[in-house]
Amino acid sequence: KNSDGPSLEELITIYKNNPDNLDNILILSDKYFVEKKIEEAFELLFSNFIKFKDKDKIKKTLLKYFEVLGNEHEQTKIYRRKLSSILFI
């Protein structure tokens, strides 16, 4: 994805106005990721993971980020362990 579209600040405002909208969360996390704010993207997804019954979209987004970063990237290692611990509790 590219960095076109609404600004990060606009997406944060949209998210804050409706934090229970999964699409807003996914769009904001993608924007963070594109802007190399990797930790913010992961933290946003993980902080909302438990909130939603349908966790599949968040899980797919996390797996996509892991794939883009690669298995040896430090953030992949950290957040893959975190995902495993959440899924297998």
PDB file of N, CA and C in Angstrom:
ATOM      1  N   LYS A   1       0.838  -1.191   0.000  1.00  0.00           N
ATOM      2  CA  LYS A   1       0.000   0.000   0.000  1.00  0.00           C
ATOM      3  C   LYS A   1       0.874   1.241   0.000  1.00  0.00           C
ATOM      4  N   ASN A   2       0.306   2.327  -0.493  1.00  0.00           N
ATOM      5  CA  ASN A   2       1.077   3.556  -0.502  1.00  0.00           C
ATOM      6  C   ASN A   2       0.598   4.481   0.606  1.00  0.00           C
ATOM      7  N   SER A   3       1.163   5.654   0.666  1.00  0.00           N
ATOM      8  CA  SER A   3       0.850   6.579   1.751  1.00  0.00           C
ATOM      9  C   SER A   3      -0.191   7.619   1.349  1.00  0.00           C
ATOM     10  N   ASP A   4      -0.945   7.363   0.259  1.00  0.00           N
ATOM     11  CA  ASP A   4      -2.005   8.278  -0.155  1.00  0.00           C
ATOM     12  C   ASP A   4      -3.191   8.163   0.789  1.00  0.00           C
ATOM     13  N   GLY A   5      -4.154   9.032   0.595  1.00  0.00           N
ATOM     14  CA  GLY A   5      -5.367   8.977   1.397  1.00  0.00           C
ATOM     15  C   GLY A   5      -5.320   9.948   2.550  1.00  0.00           C
ATOM     16  N   PRO A   6      -6.228   9.742   3.508  1.00  0.00           N
ATOM     17  CA  PRO A   6      -6.292  10.647   4.660  1.00  0.00           C
ATOM     18  C   PRO A   6      -4.985  10.654   5.446  1.00  0.00           C
ATOM     19  N   SER A   7      -4.726  11.766   6.101  1.00  0.00           N
ATOM     20  CA  SER A   7      -3.511  11.870   6.907  1.00  0.00           C
ATOM     21  C   SER A   7      -3.640  11.022   8.162  1.00  0.00           C
ATOM     22  N   LEU A   8      -2.516  10.779   8.784  1.00  0.00           N
ATOM     23  CA  LEU A   8      -2.503  10.023  10.026  1.00  0.00           C
ATOM     24  C   LEU A   8      -3.368  10.711  11.075  1.00  0.00           C
ATOM     25  N   GLU A   9      -3.267  12.013  11.165  1.00  0.00           N
ATOM     26  CA  GLU A   9      -4.048  12.763  12.153  1.00  0.00           C
ATOM     27  C   GLU A   9      -5.550  12.621  11.903  1.00  0.00           C
ATOM     28  N   GLU A  10      -5.955  12.654  10.629  1.00  0.00           N
ATOM     29  CA  GLU A  10      -7.377  12.478  10.300  1.00  0.00           C
ATOM     30  C   GLU A  10      -7.860  11.088  10.701  1.00  0.00           C
ATOM     31  N   LEU A  11      -7.049  10.081  10.441  1.00  0.00           N
ATOM     32  CA  LEU A  11      -7.436   8.712  10.785  1.00  0.00           C
ATOM     33  C   LEU A  11      -7.490   8.502  12.296  1.00  0.00           C
ATOM     34  N   ILE A  12      -6.593   9.135  13.026  1.00  0.00           N
ATOM     35  CA  ILE A  12      -6.628   9.046  14.494  1.00  0.00           C
ATOM     36  C   ILE A  12      -7.915   9.673  15.010  1.00  0.00           C
ATOM     37  N   THR A  13      -8.307  10.808  14.450  1.00  0.00           N
ATOM     38  CA  THR A  13      -9.555  11.459  14.857  1.00  0.00           C
ATOM     39  C   THR A  13     -10.754  10.584  14.548  1.00  0.00           C
ATOM     40  N   ILE A  14     -10.774   9.991  13.369  1.00  0.00           N
ATOM     41  CA  ILE A  14     -11.872   9.090  12.988  1.00  0.00           C
ATOM     42  C   ILE A  14     -11.939   7.919  13.962  1.00  0.00           C
ATOM     43  N   TYR A  15     -10.791   7.337  14.281  1.00  0.00           N
ATOM     44  CA  TYR A  15     -10.736   6.215  15.225  1.00  0.00           C
ATOM     45  C   TYR A  15     -11.238   6.641  16.605  1.00  0.00           C
ATOM     46  N   LYS A  16     -10.775   7.780  17.089  1.00  0.00           N
ATOM     47  CA  LYS A  16     -11.181   8.241  18.419  1.00  0.00           C
ATOM     48  C   LYS A  16     -12.675   8.542  18.487  1.00  0.00           C
ATOM     49  N   ASN A  17     -13.250   8.989  17.386  1.00  0.00           N
ATOM     50  CA  ASN A  17     -14.683   9.270  17.350  1.00  0.00           C
ATOM     51  C   ASN A  17     -15.523   7.999  17.316  1.00  0.00           C
ATOM     52  N   ASN A  18     -14.942   6.902  16.870  1.00  0.00           N
ATOM     53  CA  ASN A  18     -15.665   5.632  16.804  1.00  0.00           C
ATOM     54  C   ASN A  18     -14.685   4.477  17.018  1.00  0.00           C
ATOM     55  N   PRO A  19     -14.209   4.303  18.256  1.00  0.00           N
ATOM     56  CA  PRO A  19     -13.184   3.287  18.524  1.00  0.00           C
ATOM     57  C   PRO A  19     -13.685   1.846  18.450  1.00  0.00           C
ATOM     58  N   ASP A  20     -14.991   1.660  18.308  1.00  0.00           N
ATOM     59  CA  ASP A  20     -15.536   0.310  18.226  1.00  0.00           C
ATOM     60  C   ASP A  20     -15.759  -0.152  16.783  1.00  0.00           C
ATOM     61  N   ASN A  21     -15.302   0.642  15.833  1.00  0.00           N
ATOM     62  CA  ASN A  21     -15.437   0.293  14.428  1.00  0.00           C
ATOM     63  C   ASN A  21     -14.152  -0.401  13.970  1.00  0.00           C
ATOM     64  N   LEU A  22     -14.248  -1.681  13.699  1.00  0.00           N
ATOM     65  CA  LEU A  22     -13.073  -2.473  13.325  1.00  0.00           C
ATOM     66  C   LEU A  22     -12.406  -1.948  12.056  1.00  0.00           C
ATOM     67  N   ASP A  23     -13.195  -1.499  11.096  1.00  0.00           N
ATOM     68  CA  ASP A  23     -12.599  -0.976   9.861  1.00  0.00           C
ATOM     69  C   ASP A  23     -11.717   0.241  10.145  1.00  0.00           C
ATOM     70  N   ASN A  24     -12.164   1.117  11.053  1.00  0.00           N
ATOM     71  CA  ASN A  24     -11.348   2.281  11.423  1.00  0.00           C
ATOM     72  C   ASN A  24     -10.024   1.852  12.036  1.00  0.00           C
ATOM     73  N   ILE A  25     -10.058   0.817  12.845  1.00  0.00           N
ATOM     74  CA  ILE A  25      -8.853   0.295  13.496  1.00  0.00           C
ATOM     75  C   ILE A  25      -7.885  -0.254  12.445  1.00  0.00           C
ATOM     76  N   LEU A  26      -8.415  -1.025  11.519  1.00  0.00           N
ATOM     77  CA  LEU A  26      -7.568  -1.633  10.485  1.00  0.00           C
ATOM     78  C   LEU A  26      -6.971  -0.581   9.559  1.00  0.00           C
ATOM     79  N   ILE A  27      -7.750   0.423   9.210  1.00  0.00           N
ATOM     80  CA  ILE A  27      -7.244   1.493   8.344  1.00  0.00           C
ATOM     81  C   ILE A  27      -6.149   2.281   9.062  1.00  0.00           C
ATOM     82  N   LEU A  28      -6.389   2.593  10.341  1.00  0.00           N
ATOM     83  CA  LEU A  28      -5.378   3.335  11.106  1.00  0.00           C
ATOM     84  C   LEU A  28      -4.115   2.502  11.279  1.00  0.00           C
ATOM     85  N   SER A  29      -4.261   1.218  11.560  1.00  0.00           N
ATOM     86  CA  SER A  29      -3.063   0.380  11.730  1.00  0.00           C
ATOM     87  C   SER A  29      -2.277   0.296  10.420  1.00  0.00           C
ATOM     88  N   ASP A  30      -2.971   0.207   9.288  1.00  0.00           N
ATOM     89  CA  ASP A  30      -2.273   0.195   7.994  1.00  0.00           C
ATOM     90  C   ASP A  30      -1.518   1.501   7.767  1.00  0.00           C
ATOM     91  N   LYS A  31      -2.132   2.611   8.142  1.00  0.00           N
ATOM     92  CA  LYS A  31      -1.474   3.916   7.977  1.00  0.00           C
ATOM     93  C   LYS A  31      -0.220   3.983   8.848  1.00  0.00           C
ATOM     94  N   TYR A  32      -0.337   3.530  10.106  1.00  0.00           N
ATOM     95  CA  TYR A  32       0.842   3.476  10.972  1.00  0.00           C
ATOM     96  C   TYR A  32       1.936   2.634  10.318  1.00  0.00           C
ATOM     97  N   PHE A  33       1.561   1.467   9.812  1.00  0.00           N
ATOM     98  CA  PHE A  33       2.528   0.548   9.229  1.00  0.00           C
ATOM     99  C   PHE A  33       3.220   1.175   8.020  1.00  0.00           C
ATOM    100  N   VAL A  34       2.440   1.789   7.141  1.00  0.00           N
ATOM    101  CA  VAL A  34       2.989   2.425   5.936  1.00  0.00           C
ATOM    102  C   VAL A  34       3.952   3.544   6.319  1.00  0.00           C
ATOM    103  N   GLU A  35       3.646   4.246   7.398  1.00  0.00           N
ATOM    104  CA  GLU A  35       4.498   5.350   7.834  1.00  0.00           C
ATOM    105  C   GLU A  35       5.620   4.891   8.766  1.00  0.00           C
ATOM    106  N   LYS A  36       5.873   3.582   8.768  1.00  0.00           N
ATOM    107  CA  LYS A  36       6.980   2.987   9.526  1.00  0.00           C
ATOM    108  C   LYS A  36       6.815   3.145  11.039  1.00  0.00           C
ATOM    109  N   LYS A  37       5.581   3.289  11.486  1.00  0.00           N
ATOM    110  CA  LYS A  37       5.282   3.309  12.914  1.00  0.00           C
ATOM    111  C   LYS A  37       4.785   1.906  13.279  1.00  0.00           C
ATOM    112  N   ILE A  38       5.717   0.978  13.154  1.00  0.00           N
ATOM    113  CA  ILE A  38       5.409  -0.440  13.266  1.00  0.00           C
ATOM    114  C   ILE A  38       4.841  -0.794  14.649  1.00  0.00           C
ATOM    115  N   GLU A  39       5.498  -0.330  15.679  1.00  0.00           N
ATOM    116  CA  GLU A  39       5.046  -0.651  17.032  1.00  0.00           C
ATOM    117  C   GLU A  39       3.641  -0.103  17.284  1.00  0.00           C
ATOM    118  N   GLU A  40       3.351   1.105  16.810  1.00  0.00           N
ATOM    119  CA  GLU A  40       2.026   1.683  16.981  1.00  0.00           C
ATOM    120  C   GLU A  40       0.970   0.838  16.268  1.00  0.00           C
ATOM    121  N   ALA A  41       1.301   0.349  15.071  1.00  0.00           N
ATOM    122  CA  ALA A  41       0.368  -0.493  14.316  1.00  0.00           C
ATOM    123  C   ALA A  41       0.055  -1.767  15.096  1.00  0.00           C
ATOM    124  N   PHE A  42       1.098  -2.427  15.583  1.00  0.00           N
ATOM    125  CA  PHE A  42       0.889  -3.653  16.352  1.00  0.00           C
ATOM    126  C   PHE A  42       0.138  -3.392  17.648  1.00  0.00           C
ATOM    127  N   GLU A  43       0.501  -2.364  18.357  1.00  0.00           N
ATOM    128  CA  GLU A  43      -0.149  -2.079  19.637  1.00  0.00           C
ATOM    129  C   GLU A  43      -1.627  -1.753  19.462  1.00  0.00           C
ATOM    130  N   LEU A  44      -1.962  -1.029  18.415  1.00  0.00           N
ATOM    131  CA  LEU A  44      -3.362  -0.725  18.144  1.00  0.00           C
ATOM    132  C   LEU A  44      -4.147  -2.018  17.912  1.00  0.00           C
ATOM    133  N   LEU A  45      -3.598  -2.905  17.121  1.00  0.00           N
ATOM    134  CA  LEU A  45      -4.290  -4.163  16.846  1.00  0.00           C
ATOM    135  C   LEU A  45      -4.410  -5.024  18.096  1.00  0.00           C
ATOM    136  N   PHE A  46      -3.329  -5.151  18.848  1.00  0.00           N
ATOM    137  CA  PHE A  46      -3.374  -5.987  20.049  1.00  0.00           C
ATOM    138  C   PHE A  46      -4.273  -5.399  21.132  1.00  0.00           C
ATOM    139  N   SER A  47      -4.300  -4.095  21.250  1.00  0.00           N
ATOM    140  CA  SER A  47      -5.145  -3.487  22.285  1.00  0.00           C
ATOM    141  C   SER A  47      -6.623  -3.655  21.967  1.00  0.00           C
ATOM    142  N   ASN A  48      -6.943  -3.928  20.722  1.00  0.00           N
ATOM    143  CA  ASN A  48      -8.337  -4.122  20.326  1.00  0.00           C
ATOM    144  C   ASN A  48      -8.696  -5.576  20.035  1.00  0.00           C
ATOM    145  N   PHE A  49      -7.736  -6.460  20.100  1.00  0.00           N
ATOM    146  CA  PHE A  49      -7.945  -7.863  19.721  1.00  0.00           C
ATOM    147  C   PHE A  49      -9.056  -8.518  20.536  1.00  0.00           C
ATOM    148  N   ILE A  50      -9.051  -8.322  21.821  1.00  0.00           N
ATOM    149  CA  ILE A  50     -10.007  -8.981  22.718  1.00  0.00           C
ATOM    150  C   ILE A  50     -11.402  -8.386  22.575  1.00  0.00           C
ATOM    151  N   LYS A  51     -11.484  -7.144  22.139  1.00  0.00           N
ATOM    152  CA  LYS A  51     -12.759  -6.423  22.059  1.00  0.00           C
ATOM    153  C   LYS A  51     -13.736  -7.028  21.052  1.00  0.00           C
ATOM    154  N   PHE A  52     -13.221  -7.664  20.017  1.00  0.00           N
ATOM    155  CA  PHE A  52     -14.060  -8.119  18.914  1.00  0.00           C
ATOM    156  C   PHE A  52     -14.238  -9.629  18.915  1.00  0.00           C
ATOM    157  N   LYS A  53     -15.475 -10.057  18.647  1.00  0.00           N
ATOM    158  CA  LYS A  53     -15.752 -11.489  18.547  1.00  0.00           C
ATOM    159  C   LYS A  53     -15.074 -12.073  17.314  1.00  0.00           C
ATOM    160  N   ASP A  54     -15.160 -11.343  16.205  1.00  0.00           N
ATOM    161  CA  ASP A  54     -14.523 -11.793  14.961  1.00  0.00           C
ATOM    162  C   ASP A  54     -13.085 -11.288  14.943  1.00  0.00           C
ATOM    163  N   LYS A  55     -12.197 -12.097  15.456  1.00  0.00           N
ATOM    164  CA  LYS A  55     -10.787 -11.718  15.562  1.00  0.00           C
ATOM    165  C   LYS A  55     -10.018 -12.004  14.270  1.00  0.00           C
ATOM    166  N   ASP A  56     -10.690 -12.633  13.329  1.00  0.00           N
ATOM    167  CA  ASP A  56     -10.011 -13.095  12.115  1.00  0.00           C
ATOM    168  C   ASP A  56      -9.395 -11.953  11.308  1.00  0.00           C
ATOM    169  N   LYS A  57     -10.104 -10.836  11.189  1.00  0.00           N
ATOM    170  CA  LYS A  57      -9.565  -9.711  10.409  1.00  0.00           C
ATOM    171  C   LYS A  57      -8.301  -9.151  11.045  1.00  0.00           C
ATOM    172  N   ILE A  58      -8.306  -9.048  12.359  1.00  0.00           N
ATOM    173  CA  ILE A  58      -7.118  -8.540  13.055  1.00  0.00           C
ATOM    174  C   ILE A  58      -5.977  -9.538  12.912  1.00  0.00           C
ATOM    175  N   LYS A  59      -6.276 -10.807  13.089  1.00  0.00           N
ATOM    176  CA  LYS A  59      -5.248 -11.841  12.964  1.00  0.00           C
ATOM    177  C   LYS A  59      -4.642 -11.835  11.557  1.00  0.00           C
ATOM    178  N   LYS A  60      -5.474 -11.719  10.529  1.00  0.00           N
ATOM    179  CA  LYS A  60      -4.974 -11.684   9.151  1.00  0.00           C
ATOM    180  C   LYS A  60      -4.085 -10.468   8.917  1.00  0.00           C
ATOM    181  N   THR A  61      -4.464  -9.338   9.492  1.00  0.00           N
ATOM    182  CA  THR A  61      -3.652  -8.127   9.352  1.00  0.00           C
ATOM    183  C   THR A  61      -2.304  -8.309  10.025  1.00  0.00           C
ATOM    184  N   LEU A  62      -2.304  -8.885  11.222  1.00  0.00           N
ATOM    185  CA  LEU A  62      -1.050  -9.145  11.929  1.00  0.00           C
ATOM    186  C   LEU A  62      -0.155 -10.075  11.115  1.00  0.00           C
ATOM    187  N   LEU A  63      -0.728 -11.139  10.577  1.00  0.00           N
ATOM    188  CA  LEU A  63       0.056 -12.084   9.772  1.00  0.00           C
ATOM    189  C   LEU A  63       0.619 -11.420   8.522  1.00  0.00           C
ATOM    190  N   LYS A  64      -0.153 -10.508   7.939  1.00  0.00           N
ATOM    191  CA  LYS A  64       0.323  -9.761   6.762  1.00  0.00           C
ATOM    192  C   LYS A  64       1.533  -8.909   7.152  1.00  0.00           C
ATOM    193  N   TYR A  65       1.458  -8.241   8.293  1.00  0.00           N
ATOM    194  CA  TYR A  65       2.585  -7.426   8.754  1.00  0.00           C
ATOM    195  C   TYR A  65       3.817  -8.291   9.018  1.00  0.00           C
ATOM    196  N   PHE A  66       3.614  -9.456   9.642  1.00  0.00           N
ATOM    197  CA  PHE A  66       4.740 -10.367   9.895  1.00  0.00           C
ATOM    198  C   PHE A  66       5.410 -10.755   8.577  1.00  0.00           C
ATOM    199  N   GLU A  67       4.594 -11.051   7.589  1.00  0.00           N
ATOM    200  CA  GLU A  67       5.132 -11.468   6.290  1.00  0.00           C
ATOM    201  C   GLU A  67       5.924 -10.337   5.637  1.00  0.00           C
ATOM    202  N   VAL A  68       5.398  -9.123   5.689  1.00  0.00           N
ATOM    203  CA  VAL A  68       6.086  -7.983   5.076  1.00  0.00           C
ATOM    204  C   VAL A  68       7.417  -7.720   5.777  1.00  0.00           C
ATOM    205  N   LEU A  69       7.417  -7.787   7.102  1.00  0.00           N
ATOM    206  CA  LEU A  69       8.640  -7.501   7.861  1.00  0.00           C
ATOM    207  C   LEU A  69       9.652  -8.628   7.762  1.00  0.00           C
ATOM    208  N   GLY A  70       9.185  -9.845   7.638  1.00  0.00           N
ATOM    209  CA  GLY A  70      10.067 -11.009   7.603  1.00  0.00           C
ATOM    210  C   GLY A  70      10.234 -11.625   8.973  1.00  0.00           C
ATOM    211  N   ASN A  71      10.558 -12.898   8.990  1.00  0.00           N
ATOM    212  CA  ASN A  71      10.655 -13.654  10.242  1.00  0.00           C
ATOM    213  C   ASN A  71      11.775 -13.194  11.164  1.00  0.00           C
ATOM    214  N   GLU A  72      12.792 -12.582  10.627  1.00  0.00           N
ATOM    215  CA  GLU A  72      13.937 -12.193  11.442  1.00  0.00           C
ATOM    216  C   GLU A  72      13.822 -10.773  12.015  1.00  0.00           C
ATOM    217  N   HIS A  73      12.812 -10.036  11.605  1.00  0.00           N
ATOM    218  CA  HIS A  73      12.619  -8.677  12.118  1.00  0.00           C
ATOM    219  C   HIS A  73      12.251  -8.745  13.606  1.00  0.00           C
ATOM    220  N   GLU A  74      12.842  -7.903  14.401  1.00  0.00           N
ATOM    221  CA  GLU A  74      12.634  -7.931  15.853  1.00  0.00           C
ATOM    222  C   GLU A  74      11.166  -7.749  16.231  1.00  0.00           C
ATOM    223  N   GLN A  75      10.470  -6.846  15.554  1.00  0.00           N
ATOM    224  CA  GLN A  75       9.049  -6.630  15.872  1.00  0.00           C
ATOM    225  C   GLN A  75       8.223  -7.868  15.536  1.00  0.00           C
ATOM    226  N   THR A  76       8.570  -8.568  14.462  1.00  0.00           N
ATOM    227  CA  THR A  76       7.874  -9.813  14.126  1.00  0.00           C
ATOM    228  C   THR A  76       8.045 -10.824  15.251  1.00  0.00           C
ATOM    229  N   LYS A  77       9.271 -10.981  15.717  1.00  0.00           N
ATOM    230  CA  LYS A  77       9.540 -11.943  16.802  1.00  0.00           C
ATOM    231  C   LYS A  77       8.747 -11.600  18.050  1.00  0.00           C
ATOM    232  N   ILE A  78       8.743 -10.330  18.447  1.00  0.00           N
ATOM    233  CA  ILE A  78       8.054  -9.896  19.666  1.00  0.00           C
ATOM    234  C   ILE A  78       6.547 -10.117  19.547  1.00  0.00           C
ATOM    235  N   TYR A  79       5.984  -9.627  18.458  1.00  0.00           N
ATOM    236  CA  TYR A  79       4.529  -9.662  18.336  1.00  0.00           C
ATOM    237  C   TYR A  79       3.992 -11.024  17.910  1.00  0.00           C
ATOM    238  N   ARG A  80       4.808 -11.840  17.283  1.00  0.00           N
ATOM    239  CA  ARG A  80       4.364 -13.208  16.983  1.00  0.00           C
ATOM    240  C   ARG A  80       4.223 -14.005  18.281  1.00  0.00           C
ATOM    241  N   ARG A  81       5.179 -13.793  19.200  1.00  0.00           N
ATOM    242  CA  ARG A  81       5.071 -14.447  20.527  1.00  0.00           C
ATOM    243  C   ARG A  81       3.835 -13.950  21.261  1.00  0.00           C
ATOM    244  N   LYS A  82       3.584 -12.664  21.181  1.00  0.00           N
ATOM    245  CA  LYS A  82       2.423 -12.085  21.844  1.00  0.00           C
ATOM    246  C   LYS A  82       1.134 -12.649  21.257  1.00  0.00           C
ATOM    247  N   LEU A  83       1.065 -12.771  19.937  1.00  0.00           N
ATOM    248  CA  LEU A  83      -0.116 -13.351  19.287  1.00  0.00           C
ATOM    249  C   LEU A  83      -0.298 -14.794  19.711  1.00  0.00           C
ATOM    250  N   SER A  84       0.770 -15.563  19.738  1.00  0.00           N
ATOM    251  CA  SER A  84       0.677 -16.961  20.161  1.00  0.00           C
ATOM    252  C   SER A  84       0.146 -17.073  21.587  1.00  0.00           C
ATOM    253  N   SER A  85       0.615 -16.212  22.462  1.00  0.00           N
ATOM    254  CA  SER A  85       0.166 -16.302  23.844  1.00  0.00           C
ATOM    255  C   SER A  85      -1.314 -15.948  23.982  1.00  0.00           C
ATOM    256  N   ILE A  86      -1.803 -15.049  23.152  1.00  0.00           N
ATOM    257  CA  ILE A  86      -3.224 -14.686  23.195  1.00  0.00           C
ATOM    258  C   ILE A  86      -4.082 -15.803  22.602  1.00  0.00           C
ATOM    259  N   LEU A  87      -3.626 -16.394  21.516  1.00  0.00           N
ATOM    260  CA  LEU A  87      -4.429 -17.422  20.841  1.00  0.00           C
ATOM    261  C   LEU A  87      -4.506 -18.727  21.610  1.00  0.00           C
ATOM    262  N   PHE A  88      -3.472 -19.035  22.367  1.00  0.00           N
ATOM    263  CA  PHE A  88      -3.414 -20.348  22.997  1.00  0.00           C
ATOM    264  C   PHE A  88      -3.648 -20.306  24.500  1.00  0.00           C
ATOM    265  N   ILE A  89      -4.305 -19.264  24.968  1.00  0.00           N
ATOM    266  CA  ILE A  89      -4.632 -19.185  26.404  1.00  0.00           C
ATOM    267  C   ILE A  89      -5.929 -19.915  26.650  1.00  0.00           C
TER     268      ILE A  89
END
